[in-house]
Protein backbone atom coordinates (compact mmCIF):
# COMPACT_ATOMS: atom_id res chain seq x y z
CA MET A 1 -10.03 36.90 13.54
CA GLU A 2 -7.31 39.27 13.47
CA GLY A 3 -7.58 42.11 10.48
CA ALA A 4 -11.20 41.53 10.01
CA THR A 5 -13.35 44.60 9.01
CA PRO A 6 -16.96 44.98 9.36
CA PHE A 7 -16.29 45.72 5.60
CA PRO A 8 -14.20 42.79 4.06
CA GLU A 9 -15.46 43.29 0.66
CA VAL A 10 -14.57 46.81 0.27
CA GLY A 11 -10.36 45.82 0.04
CA ASN A 12 -7.59 48.23 -0.87
CA ILE A 13 -9.45 51.73 -1.23
CA LEU A 14 -7.46 53.82 -4.58
CA ASP A 15 -8.53 56.71 -6.32
CA PRO A 16 -7.25 55.94 -10.38
CA ALA A 17 -7.04 59.57 -11.33
CA ARG A 18 -4.45 60.20 -8.81
CA GLY A 19 -2.69 56.76 -8.14
CA GLU A 20 -3.09 56.97 -4.32
CA ASP A 21 -6.26 56.82 -1.91
CA SER A 22 -8.02 60.46 -1.44
CA PRO A 23 -9.30 61.32 1.92
CA GLN A 24 -11.97 64.13 0.37
CA ASP A 25 -14.98 61.85 -0.03
CA VAL A 26 -14.80 60.94 3.30
CA LEU A 27 -14.98 63.90 5.17
CA ASP A 28 -17.43 65.12 2.51
CA ALA A 29 -19.44 62.30 3.85
CA VAL A 30 -19.16 62.40 7.60
CA ALA A 31 -19.20 66.29 7.64
CA ALA A 32 -22.86 65.70 6.36
CA ALA A 33 -23.43 63.15 8.32
CA TYR A 34 -22.82 64.78 11.69
CA GLY A 35 -23.46 68.40 10.81
CA VAL A 36 -20.12 69.68 11.38
CA THR A 37 -17.77 71.37 9.39
CA GLN A 38 -14.71 69.68 7.82
CA ARG A 39 -12.22 72.21 9.74
CA GLN A 40 -13.71 71.07 12.92
CA ILE A 41 -13.38 67.16 11.78
CA MET A 42 -9.54 68.40 10.96
CA GLY A 43 -9.13 70.51 14.33
CA GLN A 44 -8.11 69.12 17.74
CA ALA A 45 -11.51 70.49 19.58
CA ARG A 46 -13.00 67.80 21.97
CA THR A 47 -16.06 69.86 21.98
CA PRO A 48 -18.98 70.02 21.10
CA LYS A 49 -19.46 65.72 21.40
CA LYS A 50 -20.73 65.30 17.95
CA VAL A 51 -17.18 66.81 16.65
CA MET A 52 -15.30 64.49 18.37
CA GLU A 53 -17.35 61.41 17.38
CA ALA A 54 -17.15 62.75 13.93
CA ARG A 55 -13.29 62.69 13.98
CA HIS A 56 -13.00 59.30 15.00
CA VAL A 57 -15.34 57.71 12.97
CA ALA A 58 -13.11 59.31 9.71
CA ARG A 59 -10.20 58.63 10.96
CA TRP A 60 -12.05 55.04 11.36
CA LEU A 61 -13.13 55.33 7.90
CA MET A 62 -9.88 56.10 6.88
CA TYR A 63 -7.47 53.07 8.22
CA LYS A 64 -10.19 50.42 7.67
CA ASN A 65 -11.68 51.04 4.59
CA ARG A 66 -8.83 52.93 3.12
CA ALA A 67 -6.46 51.03 3.99
CA TRP A 68 -4.23 53.67 5.79
CA SER A 69 -1.65 52.85 8.30
CA TYR A 70 -1.63 55.12 11.69
CA PRO A 71 0.97 56.85 11.24
CA ARG A 72 -1.21 58.14 7.18
CA VAL A 73 -3.97 58.70 9.28
CA ALA A 74 -2.23 60.55 11.81
CA LYS A 75 -0.19 62.43 9.49
CA PHE A 76 -2.87 64.02 7.13
CA PHE A 77 -4.96 64.78 11.06
CA ASN A 78 -2.05 66.05 12.64
CA CYS A 79 -1.71 64.31 15.33
CA ASN A 80 -0.05 61.24 16.85
CA HIS A 81 -0.54 58.16 15.44
CA THR A 82 -1.60 56.36 19.08
CA THR A 83 -4.54 58.87 19.15
CA VAL A 84 -5.28 57.61 15.89
CA ILE A 85 -5.42 54.07 17.09
CA ASN A 86 -7.77 55.37 20.12
CA SER A 87 -10.38 56.63 17.04
CA VAL A 88 -10.05 53.64 15.44
CA ASN A 89 -10.63 51.52 18.88
CA TRP A 90 -13.43 53.40 19.92
CA ALA A 91 -15.01 53.65 16.61
CA GLY A 92 -14.72 50.19 16.02
CA TRP A 93 -16.11 49.65 19.66
CA GLN A 94 -19.22 52.16 19.20
CA PHE A 95 -19.90 49.99 15.46
CA TYR A 96 -20.67 46.48 17.74
CA HIS A 97 -21.87 48.01 20.50
CA ASN A 98 -23.85 50.64 19.52
CA ALA A 99 -26.78 49.76 17.36
CA LYS A 100 -27.08 53.38 16.90
CA ARG A 101 -24.13 54.66 16.31
CA ARG A 102 -23.88 51.52 13.97
CA GLU A 103 -26.43 52.45 11.75
CA LYS A 104 -24.84 55.97 11.29
CA MET A 105 -21.90 54.30 9.99
CA GLN A 106 -23.52 51.83 8.18
CA ARG A 107 -24.97 54.76 5.73
CA LEU A 108 -21.88 56.29 5.75
CA TYR A 109 -20.45 53.49 4.60
CA ALA A 110 -23.14 52.55 2.00
CA GLU A 111 -23.15 56.27 0.73
CA LEU A 112 -19.25 56.15 0.28
CA SER A 113 -19.54 52.60 -1.55
CA THR A 114 -21.49 53.84 -4.15
CA LEU A 115 -18.11 55.53 -5.64
CA ASP A 116 -16.52 54.15 -8.59
CA TYR A 117 -13.70 53.54 -6.66
CA TRP A 118 -14.78 52.21 -3.47
CA SER A 119 -16.37 49.50 -5.41
CA ALA A 120 -12.77 47.95 -6.75
CA ALA A 121 -10.53 45.75 -4.65
CA ALA A 122 -6.89 45.38 -4.58
């Protein structure tokens, strides 16, 4: 099914206080889960591997769960939209084919879904 996400109940996520979606909670959660800094997630370095994985997962969460477009995620990360497409594809493949990574991604989702605005579908 085209456009299906692993968490369809999330819908379009908005931060009611700002009137728009905010990536800060995603960055906080991903940085803590992978043991990296937000600066590393936002950077361009390809090593160590856990930084690259955290960056892919953060982009995937912003695209799939925050309903941000590829160009919007790219602008936030200061990269090309095709880089975001690669990240989303990589993380999506990992979700469906790698049980260990899927478990970590599901824990992140569960942590983020406890925030009030994450449970409000548009």
